[in-house]
Amino acid sequence: MTPLPAALGGTELVAWRLDDARFAGTWDSGEGAYRFGGRWSSRGVRAVYCSIDPATTILEVAVHKGFDILDTVAHVLTSLTITDPSRVHVVDPTAIPNPNWLHPGNPSAGQQAYGDALLAQHKFVLLPSAVSIHSWNLIFVASAAAGAFSLRSQERFALDTRLHPPIKAV
């Protein structure tokens, strides 16, 4: 069960990731961002991308892979606990230099450099999701945040099959 947020009586800050099951053991390596870069990090930065609710993390992965892959390839849903939530830097959306960075589309070099600078200054960075503007993503570099987070759980992911229905004959 998803823990309640602090506003509803929860006591933990939990973040979520969804990975191909083959990579479940290296969930915090940042290998994907290192190899390809990400919305808020340049290639070569081992940024670990998470969301603070499981539904957003599913959407974040689905927008890149598609529901067909989430339906047919084994995935693992990982949750982690941030041991000291005061170490999380919350980015004010109105303070972002280019408002278009918060909308779907390819990241610019400026956007990635901005994210790299945030990751160099803070153990954890919380930013609005481009997939779901009212949701939040948490990003960190595991080596820089060592000891400030812990693995909470990993479970086999099962996509609701209604999200990948059969093609209907015309």
Protein backbone atom coordinates (compact mmCIF):
# COMPACT_ATOMS: atom_id res chain seq x y z
CA MET A 1 0.00 0.00 0.00
CA THR A 2 1.23 3.48 -0.82
CA PRO A 3 2.12 5.36 2.37
CA LEU A 4 0.15 8.48 3.16
CA PRO A 5 1.85 11.80 2.43
CA ALA A 6 2.80 13.96 5.41
CA ALA A 7 -0.24 16.21 4.87
CA LEU A 8 -2.44 13.19 5.58
CA GLY A 9 -0.54 11.90 8.58
CA GLY A 10 2.30 10.05 6.88
CA THR A 11 5.80 10.23 8.31
CA GLU A 12 7.99 9.17 5.39
CA LEU A 13 9.00 10.66 2.07
CA VAL A 14 8.77 7.78 -0.38
CA ALA A 15 9.81 7.87 -4.03
CA TRP A 16 9.04 5.34 -6.76
CA ARG A 17 10.72 3.93 -9.87
CA LEU A 18 9.66 1.45 -12.51
CA ASP A 19 12.43 -0.55 -14.16
CA ASP A 20 12.73 -3.40 -16.59
CA ALA A 21 13.06 -6.45 -14.32
CA ARG A 22 16.52 -7.18 -15.76
CA PHE A 23 17.76 -3.97 -14.12
CA ALA A 24 15.96 -4.22 -10.77
CA GLY A 25 19.22 -4.85 -8.91
CA THR A 26 20.82 -1.70 -10.31
CA TRP A 27 17.80 0.58 -9.89
CA ASP A 28 19.90 3.36 -8.31
CA SER A 29 22.83 3.25 -10.75
CA GLY A 30 21.60 6.09 -12.96
CA GLU A 31 22.90 4.09 -15.92
CA GLY A 32 20.16 5.18 -18.33
CA ALA A 33 20.66 8.88 -17.64
CA TYR A 34 24.43 8.36 -17.74
CA ARG A 35 24.25 6.83 -21.22
CA PHE A 36 21.53 8.96 -22.78
CA GLY A 37 20.93 12.02 -20.60
CA GLY A 38 17.50 12.98 -19.30
CA ARG A 39 15.09 15.88 -19.01
CA TRP A 40 17.10 17.37 -16.12
CA SER A 41 20.57 15.85 -16.63
CA SER A 42 23.21 15.69 -19.33
CA ARG A 43 24.68 12.50 -20.69
CA GLY A 44 27.43 11.41 -18.29
CA VAL A 45 25.49 12.31 -15.11
CA ARG A 46 24.23 9.30 -13.14
CA ALA A 47 20.89 10.86 -12.27
CA VAL A 48 18.25 8.55 -10.79
CA TYR A 49 14.75 9.61 -11.84
CA CYS A 50 11.82 8.82 -9.54
CA SER A 51 8.34 10.12 -8.81
CA ILE A 52 6.76 10.67 -5.43
CA ASP A 53 3.75 8.56 -6.28
CA PRO A 54 3.58 5.25 -8.15
CA ALA A 55 0.98 6.40 -10.71
CA THR A 56 3.25 9.17 -11.98
CA THR A 57 6.23 6.85 -12.23
CA ILE A 58 4.12 4.49 -14.37
CA LEU A 59 3.13 7.38 -16.67
CA GLU A 60 6.72 8.61 -16.86
CA VAL A 61 7.87 5.20 -18.10
CA ALA A 62 4.85 4.64 -20.35
CA VAL A 63 5.42 7.92 -22.19
CA HIS A 64 8.84 6.60 -23.28
CA LYS A 65 8.20 2.87 -23.66
CA GLY A 66 4.47 2.60 -24.31
CA PHE A 67 1.83 0.57 -22.50
CA ASP A 68 2.47 -2.37 -24.84
CA ILE A 69 5.96 -2.83 -23.40
CA LEU A 70 4.73 -2.42 -19.81
CA ASP A 71 2.15 -5.12 -20.57
CA THR A 72 4.52 -7.62 -22.21
CA VAL A 73 7.95 -7.14 -20.58
CA ALA A 74 8.50 -7.87 -16.89
CA HIS A 75 9.04 -4.73 -14.80
CA VAL A 76 9.70 -4.07 -11.13
CA LEU A 77 8.20 -1.24 -9.08
CA THR A 78 10.76 0.03 -6.59
CA SER A 79 10.10 2.31 -3.64
CA LEU A 80 12.74 4.11 -1.64
CA THR A 81 12.63 6.21 1.50
CA ILE A 82 14.40 9.53 1.83
CA THR A 83 15.78 9.40 5.36
CA ASP A 84 15.92 13.18 5.84
CA PRO A 85 13.25 15.01 3.81
CA SER A 86 14.82 18.35 4.75
CA ARG A 87 17.62 17.45 2.27
CA VAL A 88 15.15 17.65 -0.63
CA HIS A 89 15.35 20.86 -2.66
CA VAL A 90 11.91 21.74 -4.02
CA VAL A 91 12.13 23.69 -7.27
CA ASP A 92 9.58 26.49 -7.48
CA PRO A 93 8.09 26.18 -10.98
CA THR A 94 7.96 29.98 -11.33
CA ALA A 95 11.73 30.16 -10.73
CA ILE A 96 12.64 27.95 -13.69
CA PRO A 97 14.31 30.12 -16.36
CA ASN A 98 12.26 28.75 -19.27
CA PRO A 99 8.62 27.77 -18.57
CA ASN A 100 8.67 25.49 -21.63
CA TRP A 101 10.97 23.15 -19.72
CA LEU A 102 7.92 22.07 -17.72
CA HIS A 103 6.02 20.94 -20.83
CA PRO A 104 6.38 17.75 -22.87
CA GLY A 105 9.07 17.86 -25.53
CA ASN A 106 12.76 17.29 -25.95
CA PRO A 107 14.99 18.86 -23.31
CA SER A 108 17.35 21.63 -24.34
CA ALA A 109 21.03 21.83 -23.47
CA GLY A 110 20.16 24.73 -21.15
CA GLN A 111 17.57 22.64 -19.33
CA GLN A 112 20.01 19.78 -18.81
CA ALA A 113 22.73 22.16 -17.60
CA TYR A 114 20.23 23.72 -15.16
CA GLY A 115 19.39 20.26 -13.81
CA ASP A 116 23.08 19.30 -13.61
CA ALA A 117 23.75 22.40 -11.49
CA LEU A 118 20.84 21.55 -9.16
CA LEU A 119 22.11 17.99 -8.76
CA ALA A 120 25.61 19.29 -7.99
CA GLN A 121 24.22 21.54 -5.23
CA HIS A 122 21.56 19.32 -3.63
CA LYS A 123 21.29 15.67 -2.58
CA PHE A 124 17.72 15.47 -3.91
CA VAL A 125 15.81 17.69 -6.31
CA LEU A 126 12.01 17.76 -6.57
CA LEU A 127 10.57 19.10 -9.85
CA PRO A 128 7.14 19.14 -11.47
CA SER A 129 6.48 16.28 -13.88
CA ALA A 130 6.09 17.16 -17.57
CA VAL A 131 3.80 14.14 -18.00
CA SER A 132 1.48 15.16 -15.17
CA ILE A 133 2.03 18.83 -14.29
CA HIS A 134 0.34 18.43 -10.89
CA SER A 135 2.72 15.60 -9.93
CA TRP A 136 6.35 15.64 -8.83
CA ASN A 137 9.55 13.90 -9.84
CA LEU A 138 12.49 13.35 -7.50
CA ILE A 139 15.98 13.20 -8.98
CA PHE A 140 19.27 12.40 -7.30
CA VAL A 141 22.76 11.05 -7.91
CA ALA A 142 23.10 7.97 -5.72
CA SER A 143 26.80 8.45 -4.96
CA ALA A 144 26.17 12.04 -3.82
CA ALA A 145 23.12 11.01 -1.76
CA ALA A 146 24.66 7.86 -0.24
CA GLY A 147 23.28 7.21 3.24
CA ALA A 148 20.40 9.66 2.72
CA PHE A 149 18.03 7.14 1.11
CA SER A 150 17.23 3.47 1.52
CA LEU A 151 15.51 0.82 -0.51
CA ARG A 152 12.00 0.32 0.88
CA SER A 153 10.59 -2.39 -1.40
CA GLN A 154 10.66 -3.96 -4.81
CA GLU A 155 7.68 -5.76 -6.25
CA ARG A 156 6.69 -7.28 -9.53
CA PHE A 157 4.74 -4.76 -11.59
CA ALA A 158 1.46 -5.70 -13.26
CA LEU A 159 -0.08 -3.29 -15.75
CA ASP A 160 -3.85 -2.99 -15.76
CA THR A 161 -4.63 -4.83 -19.01
CA ARG A 162 -7.25 -2.23 -19.98
CA LEU A 163 -4.35 0.10 -20.78
CA HIS A 164 -3.27 -2.24 -23.62
CA PRO A 165 -6.51 -3.56 -25.11
CA PRO A 166 -6.70 -5.84 -28.14
CA ILE A 167 -7.14 -4.15 -31.50
CA LYS A 168 -10.79 -4.30 -32.48
CA ALA A 169 -11.74 -5.49 -35.95
CA VAL A 170 -13.42 -2.89 -38.10
